[in-house]
Protein backbone atom coordinates (compact mmCIF):
# COMPACT_ATOMS: atom_id res chain seq x y z
CA MET A 1 152.02 118.99 97.80
CA THR A 2 149.95 121.87 96.35
CA LYS A 3 150.11 119.95 92.65
CA LYS A 4 148.75 116.92 94.37
CA ILE A 5 146.10 118.77 96.32
CA LEU A 6 145.03 120.33 92.80
CA ILE A 7 145.06 116.87 90.79
CA LEU A 8 143.09 115.24 93.52
CA SER A 9 140.90 118.19 93.46
CA VAL A 10 140.12 117.41 89.69
CA PHE A 11 138.89 113.86 90.60
CA VAL A 12 136.37 114.92 93.58
CA VAL A 13 135.21 117.63 91.31
CA ALA A 14 134.75 115.54 88.30
CA SER A 15 133.03 112.64 90.37
CA CYS A 16 130.34 115.76 91.67
CA GLY A 17 129.77 117.10 88.49
CA LEU A 18 128.49 113.92 86.84
CA ALA A 19 126.86 112.62 89.82
CA TYR A 20 124.73 115.93 89.87
CA GLU A 21 123.94 115.13 86.20
CA LEU A 22 122.88 111.55 86.54
CA ILE A 23 120.80 112.41 89.87
CA ALA A 24 119.01 114.69 87.55
CA GLY A 25 118.37 112.60 84.81
CA ALA A 26 117.19 109.86 86.86
CA LEU A 27 114.92 111.82 89.01
CA SER A 28 113.23 113.33 85.69
CA SER A 29 113.20 109.94 84.41
CA TYR A 30 110.83 108.79 87.41
CA LEU A 31 108.97 112.04 87.71
CA LEU A 32 108.19 112.30 84.17
CA GLY A 33 109.21 109.20 82.31
CA ASP A 34 110.65 108.54 78.72
CA SER A 35 113.93 108.11 80.39
CA ILE A 36 115.88 108.81 77.28
CA LEU A 37 114.22 111.86 76.42
CA GLN A 38 114.87 113.08 80.12
CA PHE A 39 118.83 112.00 79.86
CA SER A 40 119.27 113.38 76.19
CA THR A 41 117.64 116.80 77.09
CA ILE A 42 119.62 117.10 80.53
CA ILE A 43 123.16 115.61 78.88
CA GLY A 44 122.72 118.20 76.32
CA CYS A 45 122.05 121.27 78.50
CA TYR A 46 124.40 120.22 81.12
CA LEU A 47 127.27 120.10 78.36
CA PHE A 48 126.42 123.23 76.88
CA ALA A 49 126.56 124.70 80.21
CA MET A 50 129.83 123.44 80.57
CA GLY A 51 131.26 125.13 77.62
CA VAL A 52 129.47 128.42 78.99
CA GLY A 53 131.53 127.95 81.96
CA ALA A 54 134.48 127.11 80.51
CA HIS A 55 134.22 130.60 78.23
CA PHE A 56 133.30 132.68 81.27
CA SER A 57 136.49 130.97 83.17
CA LYS A 58 138.78 133.27 80.89
CA TYR A 59 137.52 136.52 82.34
CA VAL A 60 138.51 135.32 85.78
CA ARG A 61 141.98 137.35 86.62
CA ASP A 62 145.49 135.17 87.27
CA GLU A 63 145.91 136.58 90.94
CA ASP A 64 142.07 135.67 91.86
CA VAL A 65 142.28 131.87 90.43
CA LEU A 66 142.49 130.20 93.36
CA ALA A 67 139.66 132.57 95.24
CA ARG A 68 137.15 132.14 92.37
CA PHE A 69 137.92 128.09 92.51
CA VAL A 70 136.96 128.04 96.25
CA ASP A 71 133.61 130.34 95.37
CA ILE A 72 132.69 128.17 92.48
CA GLU A 73 133.44 124.84 94.72
CA LEU A 74 130.82 126.44 97.36
CA ALA A 75 128.35 127.38 94.78
CA VAL A 76 128.25 124.15 93.03
CA GLY A 77 128.46 122.37 96.42
CA LEU A 78 125.29 124.14 97.35
CA VAL A 79 123.24 124.34 94.36
CA GLY A 80 124.07 120.82 93.21
CA GLY A 81 123.56 119.41 96.79
CA LEU A 82 120.32 120.98 97.19
CA SER A 83 119.21 120.24 93.75
CA ALA A 84 117.45 116.79 94.23
CA ALA A 85 115.64 117.87 96.94
CA VAL A 86 114.35 121.24 95.52
CA LEU A 87 113.38 119.41 92.36
CA PHE A 88 111.41 116.84 93.95
CA LEU A 89 109.47 118.87 96.59
CA THR A 90 109.10 121.46 93.55
CA PHE A 91 107.63 118.56 91.36
CA SER A 92 105.35 117.10 94.88
CA TRP A 93 103.88 120.58 95.75
CA MET A 94 104.28 123.00 92.57
CA ALA A 95 104.42 120.47 89.38
CA ALA A 96 103.89 123.12 86.86
CA PRO A 97 107.71 124.94 87.43
CA PHE A 98 109.10 121.68 87.43
CA ARG A 99 110.47 121.44 83.95
CA THR A 100 111.82 125.32 83.94
CA LEU A 101 113.44 124.73 87.44
CA LEU A 102 115.03 121.32 86.27
CA TYR A 103 116.74 123.01 83.38
CA VAL A 104 117.68 126.27 84.90
CA MET A 105 119.65 124.19 87.98
CA VAL A 106 121.49 121.68 85.59
CA PHE A 107 122.31 124.83 83.41
CA LEU A 108 123.81 126.57 86.57
CA ILE A 109 125.37 123.35 87.93
CA GLY A 110 126.81 122.48 84.29
CA ALA A 111 128.39 126.39 84.03
CA PHE A 112 129.83 125.97 87.56
CA VAL A 113 131.42 122.58 86.70
CA GLY A 114 132.56 124.13 83.46
CA MET A 115 134.62 126.50 85.19
CA GLU A 116 136.55 124.37 87.49
CA VAL A 117 138.98 122.40 85.48
CA PRO A 118 139.98 125.43 83.91
CA LEU A 119 140.83 127.27 86.77
CA VAL A 120 142.72 124.04 87.88
CA MET A 121 144.76 123.89 84.86
CA ARG A 122 145.60 127.45 85.20
CA ALA A 123 146.45 127.05 88.73
CA LEU A 124 148.62 123.99 87.82
CA ASN A 125 150.62 125.87 85.05
CA GLU A 126 150.97 128.88 87.48
CA ARG A 127 152.78 126.31 89.30
CA LYS A 128 155.66 125.78 86.38
CA THR A 129 153.57 122.47 85.38
CA GLU A 130 154.85 121.26 82.06
CA PHE A 131 151.87 121.64 79.70
CA ASN A 132 152.19 118.18 78.29
CA GLU A 133 151.76 117.10 82.31
CA LEU A 134 148.94 119.28 82.88
CA VAL A 135 146.62 118.11 80.21
CA SER A 136 147.62 114.28 80.88
CA ARG A 137 147.18 114.57 84.43
CA VAL A 138 144.10 116.81 84.66
CA LEU A 139 142.53 114.67 82.08
CA THR A 140 143.36 111.51 83.63
CA PHE A 141 141.91 112.40 87.37
CA ASP A 142 139.01 114.26 85.35
CA TYR A 143 137.83 110.75 83.39
CA LEU A 144 138.93 108.45 86.87
CA GLY A 145 136.18 110.50 88.74
CA ALA A 146 133.64 110.12 85.75
CA LEU A 147 134.16 106.39 86.06
CA ALA A 148 134.07 106.04 89.90
CA VAL A 149 130.67 107.82 89.95
CA SER A 150 129.21 105.92 87.02
CA LEU A 151 129.96 102.65 88.63
CA LEU A 152 129.04 103.48 92.25
CA PHE A 153 125.80 105.52 91.45
CA PRO A 154 123.57 103.12 89.89
CA LEU A 155 124.91 100.07 92.29
CA VAL A 156 125.25 101.41 95.44
CA LEU A 157 124.52 105.39 95.69
CA ALA A 158 121.09 105.42 94.07
CA PRO A 159 119.92 102.25 95.80
CA TYR A 160 121.25 102.52 99.09
CA LEU A 161 121.19 106.42 99.73
CA GLY A 162 118.72 107.61 97.53
CA LEU A 163 118.69 110.35 94.87
CA VAL A 164 117.96 113.22 97.67
CA ARG A 165 120.71 112.02 99.99
CA THR A 166 123.34 111.09 96.92
CA GLY A 167 122.89 114.89 96.08
CA PHE A 168 123.55 116.04 99.64
CA LEU A 169 126.61 113.80 99.44
CA PHE A 170 128.35 115.22 96.77
CA GLY A 171 127.51 118.64 97.95
CA MET A 172 129.90 118.26 100.82
CA LEU A 173 132.34 116.68 98.73
CA ASN A 174 132.54 119.96 96.82
CA VAL A 175 132.51 121.67 99.74
CA GLY A 176 135.26 119.37 100.85
CA VAL A 177 137.40 120.29 97.92
CA ALA A 178 136.66 124.28 98.94
CA LEU A 179 137.51 123.56 102.62
CA TRP A 180 141.35 121.77 101.55
CA THR A 181 142.14 124.40 99.29
CA ILE A 182 141.40 127.31 101.63
CA THR A 183 143.77 125.24 104.05
CA ALA A 184 146.51 124.28 101.42
CA PHE A 185 146.84 127.92 99.88
CA ARG A 186 145.74 130.15 102.75
CA THR A 187 148.92 132.09 102.44
CA GLU A 188 147.81 132.80 98.60
CA LEU A 189 143.83 133.93 99.63
CA LYS A 190 142.83 136.70 101.08
CA ASN A 191 139.90 136.62 103.88
CA VAL A 192 140.82 133.42 104.73
CA THR A 193 138.30 133.70 107.88
CA GLY A 194 135.39 134.75 105.89
CA ARG A 195 135.56 132.08 103.14
CA MET A 196 136.26 129.56 105.92
CA LEU A 197 132.68 130.72 107.54
CA ARG A 198 131.39 130.66 104.32
CA ALA A 199 132.77 126.90 103.48
CA ALA A 200 131.47 125.88 107.18
CA SER A 201 127.87 127.55 106.82
CA VAL A 202 127.27 126.02 103.49
CA MET A 203 128.48 122.51 104.83
CA CYS A 204 125.84 122.69 107.78
CA VAL A 205 123.26 123.30 105.45
CA LEU A 206 124.51 120.08 103.49
CA VAL A 207 124.72 118.12 106.40
CA PHE A 208 121.35 119.13 107.92
CA GLY A 209 119.73 118.06 104.65
CA PHE A 210 121.54 114.99 104.66
CA ALA A 211 120.44 114.11 108.07
CA PHE A 212 116.96 114.67 107.26
CA ALA A 213 116.73 113.44 103.48
CA ASP A 214 114.54 110.72 104.53
CA LYS A 215 112.10 113.27 105.81
CA MET A 216 112.17 115.51 103.01
CA THR A 217 111.22 112.53 100.78
CA TYR A 218 108.86 111.72 103.02
CA TRP A 219 107.29 115.19 102.94
CA GLY A 220 107.37 115.12 99.06
CA GLU A 221 105.74 111.73 98.48
CA HIS A 222 103.20 112.92 100.93
CA GLY A 223 102.62 115.77 98.99
CA LEU A 224 102.52 113.93 95.79
CA PHE A 225 100.13 111.18 96.96
CA GLY A 226 98.25 112.68 99.49
CA ASP A 227 97.95 109.39 101.71
CA GLU A 228 99.92 107.94 104.52
CA ILE A 229 103.20 106.31 103.31
CA VAL A 230 103.26 103.13 105.13
CA TYR A 231 106.38 101.87 102.94
CA ALA A 232 108.85 103.38 100.71
CA THR A 233 112.09 102.04 99.40
CA THR A 234 114.37 102.90 96.60
CA THR A 235 115.97 99.82 94.24
CA PRO A 236 118.08 99.60 91.83
CA TYR A 237 115.63 99.53 88.98
CA GLN A 238 112.28 102.01 90.71
CA ARG A 239 110.98 103.61 93.68
CA LEU A 240 108.70 101.80 95.33
CA VAL A 241 105.62 103.79 97.67
CA ILE A 242 102.73 102.21 99.41
CA THR A 243 100.04 104.36 100.84
CA ARG A 244 97.12 103.88 102.88
CA TRP A 245 94.07 105.95 103.46
CA LYS A 246 91.32 104.12 105.87
CA ASP A 247 91.12 100.39 104.07
CA ASP A 248 92.65 101.52 100.89
CA LEU A 249 96.24 100.48 100.29
CA ARG A 250 97.72 101.96 97.23
CA LEU A 251 100.98 100.94 95.65
CA TYR A 252 102.81 103.07 93.52
CA ILE A 253 106.21 102.46 90.86
CA ASN A 254 108.02 105.54 90.12
CA GLY A 255 105.17 107.74 90.97
CA ASN A 256 102.51 105.82 88.88
CA LEU A 257 99.57 103.82 90.25
CA GLN A 258 99.67 100.18 90.22
CA PHE A 259 96.57 98.99 92.23
CA SER A 260 94.41 100.19 94.90
CA SER A 261 93.30 97.64 97.22
CA ARG A 262 89.55 98.54 97.05
CA ASP A 263 88.93 97.66 93.24
CA GLU A 264 92.26 95.33 92.52
CA TYR A 265 90.20 92.27 92.15
CA ARG A 266 88.25 93.53 89.11
CA TYR A 267 91.70 93.91 87.46
CA HIS A 268 93.21 90.64 88.63
CA GLU A 269 89.91 88.75 88.11
CA ALA A 270 89.86 90.23 84.57
CA LEU A 271 93.77 89.50 84.01
CA VAL A 272 93.84 85.88 85.46
CA HIS A 273 90.32 83.77 85.02
CA PRO A 274 89.36 84.68 81.38
CA VAL A 275 92.62 82.49 80.42
CA LEU A 276 92.32 79.92 83.55
CA GLN A 277 88.78 79.00 83.32
CA PRO A 278 88.65 77.58 79.69
CA LEU A 279 91.96 75.32 80.91
CA PRO A 280 90.59 72.72 83.58
CA TRP A 281 93.89 70.59 82.43
CA ALA A 282 96.02 73.34 82.89
CA ARG A 283 98.95 72.47 85.35
CA ARG A 284 101.73 74.64 84.70
CA VAL A 285 101.80 78.61 84.75
CA LEU A 286 104.13 81.37 84.01
CA VAL A 287 103.71 85.02 85.45
CA LEU A 288 105.71 87.56 84.33
CA GLY A 289 105.58 90.80 86.68
CA GLY A 290 103.23 90.56 89.17
CA GLY A 291 105.82 90.58 92.11
CA ASP A 292 102.63 91.95 94.52
CA GLY A 293 101.39 88.36 94.44
CA LEU A 294 98.14 89.44 93.52
CA ALA A 295 97.43 87.40 90.23
CA LEU A 296 99.24 84.78 91.85
CA ARG A 297 96.21 84.83 94.31
CA GLU A 298 93.68 84.35 91.71
CA ILE A 299 95.74 81.52 90.05
CA LEU A 300 96.16 79.37 92.90
CA ARG A 301 92.37 79.29 93.57
CA TYR A 302 92.43 76.49 90.92
CA PRO A 303 93.21 73.08 92.02
CA ASN A 304 94.35 71.90 89.17
CA ILE A 305 97.29 74.30 89.24
CA GLN A 306 100.69 72.03 90.21
CA GLN A 307 103.04 74.80 89.66
CA VAL A 308 103.44 78.60 89.07
CA THR A 309 106.78 79.99 88.26
CA LEU A 310 106.74 84.05 89.07
CA VAL A 311 109.73 86.11 87.39
CA ASP A 312 110.23 89.41 88.67
CA LEU A 313 112.91 91.84 88.09
CA ASP A 314 113.01 93.40 91.84
CA PRO A 315 113.36 91.54 94.78
CA ALA A 316 112.66 94.38 96.80
CA MET A 317 109.06 94.00 95.29
CA THR A 318 108.64 90.31 96.01
CA GLY A 319 110.11 90.77 99.40
CA ALA A 320 107.71 93.30 100.64
CA PHE A 321 104.75 91.49 99.25
CA THR A 322 106.17 88.16 101.23
CA LYS A 323 107.14 89.73 104.59
CA ARG A 324 104.97 92.88 105.16
CA GLU A 325 101.79 92.06 107.33
CA GLU A 326 99.03 94.05 105.26
CA LEU A 327 100.64 93.20 101.84
CA VAL A 328 100.61 89.73 102.87
CA LYS A 329 97.00 89.63 103.77
CA LEU A 330 95.97 91.28 100.67
CA ASN A 331 97.75 88.53 98.34
CA HIS A 332 96.57 85.72 100.79
CA GLY A 333 100.32 84.70 101.58
CA SER A 334 100.43 83.46 97.67
CA PHE A 335 104.16 83.85 98.04
CA SER A 336 104.16 81.25 100.80
CA ASP A 337 102.22 78.55 99.06
CA LYS A 338 104.50 75.39 98.03
CA ARG A 339 103.10 75.64 94.35
CA VAL A 340 104.98 78.65 93.84
CA ARG A 341 108.55 79.46 92.33
CA VAL A 342 109.91 82.93 92.60
CA ILE A 343 112.47 83.94 90.31
CA ASN A 344 113.98 87.82 90.76
CA ALA A 345 115.66 88.03 87.23
CA ASP A 346 114.72 89.98 83.97
CA ALA A 347 112.28 88.27 82.14
CA ALA A 348 113.81 88.61 78.77
CA ILE A 349 117.18 87.03 79.85
CA TRP A 350 115.39 84.27 82.04
CA LEU A 351 113.17 83.36 78.82
CA GLN A 352 116.26 83.10 76.92
CA HIS A 353 118.22 80.98 78.91
CA ASN A 354 115.36 78.65 80.01
CA ASP A 355 113.43 75.65 78.46
CA ASP A 356 110.53 74.99 80.48
CA MET A 357 107.00 74.72 78.93
CA PHE A 358 103.64 76.33 80.33
CA ASP A 359 99.85 75.72 79.63
CA ALA A 360 99.50 79.82 80.59
CA VAL A 361 101.24 82.55 80.68
CA ILE A 362 100.07 85.75 82.45
CA VAL A 363 101.92 89.11 81.91
CA ASP A 364 101.61 91.82 83.95
CA PHE A 365 104.26 94.18 83.35
CA PRO A 366 103.91 98.02 84.29
CA ASP A 367 102.99 100.33 81.64
CA PRO A 368 105.70 100.29 78.72
CA SER A 369 106.48 104.16 80.15
CA SER A 370 110.03 103.81 79.38
CA PHE A 371 112.26 101.88 76.97
CA ALA A 372 113.57 99.70 79.43
CA LEU A 373 109.93 98.70 79.94
CA GLY A 374 109.16 98.75 76.06
CA LYS A 375 111.66 95.92 75.28
CA LEU A 376 109.03 93.69 77.11
CA TYR A 377 106.16 94.52 74.93
CA SER A 378 108.15 93.91 71.95
CA VAL A 379 108.47 91.46 69.00
CA PRO A 380 111.39 89.54 70.15
CA PHE A 381 110.04 89.60 73.62
CA TYR A 382 106.55 88.01 72.52
CA GLY A 383 108.65 85.78 70.03
CA MET A 384 110.39 84.21 73.39
CA VAL A 385 107.15 83.85 75.41
CA ARG A 386 105.62 81.81 72.55
CA LYS A 387 108.34 79.25 72.56
CA HIS A 388 107.42 78.42 76.35
CA LEU A 389 103.51 78.47 75.61
CA SER A 390 102.17 75.05 74.89
CA ALA A 391 100.38 74.89 71.65
CA ASN A 392 97.15 74.90 73.19
CA GLY A 393 97.92 77.27 75.89
CA LEU A 394 96.57 80.79 76.63
CA MET A 395 98.42 83.91 77.12
CA VAL A 396 97.40 87.27 78.47
CA VAL A 397 99.11 90.67 78.17
CA GLN A 398 98.08 93.86 80.68
CA SER A 399 98.09 96.22 77.99
CA THR A 400 97.32 100.08 79.13
CA SER A 401 93.94 101.44 78.46
CA PRO A 402 92.28 101.15 75.01
CA PHE A 403 90.08 104.33 75.89
CA PHE A 404 92.99 106.82 76.96
CA ALA A 405 95.84 105.00 75.32
CA PRO A 406 94.23 103.53 71.79
CA HIS A 407 97.17 103.89 69.53
CA ALA A 408 99.56 102.06 72.60
CA TYR A 409 96.68 99.67 73.27
CA TRP A 410 96.44 98.28 69.41
CA THR A 411 100.22 98.77 69.21
CA ILE A 412 100.12 95.97 71.76
CA ASP A 413 97.38 93.65 69.61
CA ALA A 414 99.77 94.12 66.24
CA THR A 415 103.02 93.34 68.35
CA LEU A 416 101.54 89.84 69.32
CA ARG A 417 99.76 88.87 66.10
CA GLU A 418 103.43 89.84 64.21
CA VAL A 419 104.74 86.33 66.36
CA GLY A 420 102.12 84.40 64.83
CA LEU A 421 99.62 84.58 67.92
CA LYS A 422 95.88 84.66 67.49
CA THR A 423 94.84 87.84 69.69
CA TYR A 424 91.55 88.15 71.21
CA PRO A 425 91.30 92.33 72.76
CA TYR A 426 89.23 92.85 75.70
CA HIS A 427 88.57 95.24 78.62
CA ALA A 428 87.44 95.82 81.95
CA TYR A 429 86.19 98.96 84.31
CA VAL A 430 88.35 99.45 87.39
CA PRO A 431 87.62 102.77 88.86
CA SER A 432 91.29 103.60 89.89
CA PHE A 433 92.35 103.27 86.15
CA GLY A 434 89.04 104.03 84.20
CA GLU A 435 88.61 101.67 81.36
CA TRP A 436 91.57 99.30 81.04
CA GLY A 437 92.86 96.84 78.28
CA PHE A 438 93.86 93.34 78.41
CA ILE A 439 94.97 91.16 75.29
CA LEU A 440 94.47 87.33 75.24
CA ALA A 441 96.57 85.27 72.88
CA THR A 442 97.11 81.83 71.56
CA PRO A 443 99.33 80.08 69.38
CA GLN A 444 96.65 77.50 67.90
CA ALA A 445 93.39 76.84 69.64
CA ASP A 446 90.13 79.09 69.17
CA TYR A 447 88.84 81.05 72.08
CA LYS A 448 85.30 81.63 73.32
CA PRO A 449 85.17 84.00 76.54
CA PRO A 450 84.02 81.91 79.57
CA THR A 451 79.91 81.90 80.29
CA GLU A 452 80.25 80.77 83.78
CA TYR A 453 83.10 80.03 86.15
CA ARG A 454 83.99 77.40 88.32
CA LEU A 455 85.19 79.62 91.12
CA PRO A 456 83.06 82.37 92.60
CA MET A 457 83.67 85.79 91.65
CA ARG A 458 83.33 89.19 92.74
CA TYR A 459 83.48 91.13 89.42
CA LEU A 460 82.93 88.41 86.72
CA ASN A 461 79.82 86.44 85.51
CA ALA A 462 78.47 85.73 82.15
CA ASP A 463 77.57 89.11 81.61
CA THR A 464 80.16 91.13 82.54
CA THR A 465 82.76 88.65 80.38
CA ARG A 466 80.55 88.95 77.24
CA GLU A 467 80.71 92.65 77.69
CA MET A 468 84.63 92.64 78.13
CA PHE A 469 84.96 91.73 75.03
CA ILE A 470 82.88 93.87 73.02
CA PHE A 471 84.57 97.26 72.00
CA PRO A 472 82.33 100.43 71.63
CA PRO A 473 82.83 102.95 68.44
CA ASP A 474 84.87 105.34 70.96
CA MET A 475 87.27 102.15 71.66
CA LYS A 476 87.83 100.82 67.89
CA ALA A 477 90.62 98.89 66.63
CA LEU A 478 93.27 101.08 65.03
CA PRO A 479 95.71 99.96 62.39
CA MET A 480 98.89 100.25 64.48
CA GLU A 481 102.57 98.90 63.36
CA PRO A 482 104.34 96.19 65.72
CA ASN A 483 106.85 97.19 68.32
CA ARG A 484 110.32 96.54 67.01
CA LEU A 485 113.32 97.00 69.47
CA ASN A 486 114.93 99.10 67.03
CA THR A 487 112.15 101.95 66.94
CA GLN A 488 110.58 101.00 70.15
CA SER A 489 107.38 102.77 68.35
CA LEU A 490 105.33 101.39 71.36
CA VAL A 491 106.79 104.09 74.15
CA HIS A 492 106.29 107.00 71.86
CA GLU A 493 102.33 106.15 71.27
CA PHE A 494 102.07 105.48 74.86
CA GLU A 495 103.69 108.90 75.62
CA GLN A 496 101.68 110.82 73.34
CA ASP A 497 98.56 109.41 74.06
CA TRP A 498 98.65 110.00 78.03
CA ARG A 499 99.95 113.26 77.17
CA ARG A 500 96.50 114.24 75.50
CA VAL A 501 94.57 113.32 78.41
CA ILE A 502 96.98 114.29 81.69
CA ARG A 503 96.59 117.78 82.82
């Protein structure tokens, strides 16, 4: 029976160890961007620390193996369980030490986890387990635990519990291992009562944290954004937060501002109307991204538009802007218009498996801050979009700032030209963002900026439109290479550009 308890412990501790690694990688990707860099460095640090822990496990005396195993379970349960909450609150209120604390915690957790399996193997060896059986059983359950968490984390844990609560949950599992080890081997351990009290104390801390995880997340996000949080959710794809200050609603995705209700009309008028004003014959429009429905609001103002297809990956995004009163008011109930068809799917996959043609395409994705987003700004992706655009149609791409991120901006322009599109770059001043960029493209038609608009505008007129297509010397065009999938140069350019201006 004691052997089975130890083997089951391997399954649980392996699950917990991988969970802490995934939490640290996901949290740092949300907060710092560049998911490949964050996961690579965290995995490297974690595995190195496991090696250090495995090395130091040899200094544990044979008679102390079970006692030290219990102590390590309590330590990793406490540090690992608190890790997500501590890191998130640190980033929100004291951003400077975040990276240092991140790698210190990853190293500590990795070192503790690295000691667990060697100690279990030694405990089994003391119970006369055959060497081949010992290794096969321990490694089998170790890998099974890792498999279980790798499947549960993206599908269930992160979207439904959130990173902070998931951390506390796995901390409790580690303490649970300590408790059943104390109970099962109480005749072999010294000071059983003291160890039970320590385990119970750590468990109380973790249960308290689990119960108040939402409050901690709220405090952290309040410190990060400063304003009242009216809506927040973690989805399998991203963290959505909507804040309010007086009459200003703001949407953040993974901590990055997407719009402010005070000036979003500038952005969305500049995004939509230079494309649709010259196309009085347009009937069908495709929107890629734009799950807030604000671009839809502008498109639906044209009576000639008969159908708009919006493809956005996250149903939580389109759902919030379909149901929440303050958000529906902002987008004028655009999702309820009978002309609108909403598809929650990966845009690249949807384009591959759909043959529809469109007179105009509005591409309104978040900035290419990660490789998952960078693929939506690549040569293959724009090639697919072109196949769905009529010969005389127009498309426009939200293209980050030509002032703050010029290398990224002109990389997007080069990528569009690489697939045979004629490009017409332009920019607009949006107070919440600063100088912001767009690139209009067409397969065949020659394009001239509108000199008048059929619809009333709050921002656009002949003068502002003319100025949008003029680039001053400090935003001049740069010779850049296209963004290809195998290198994803755009993501690197974007990170480097913004690193120069963000303090």
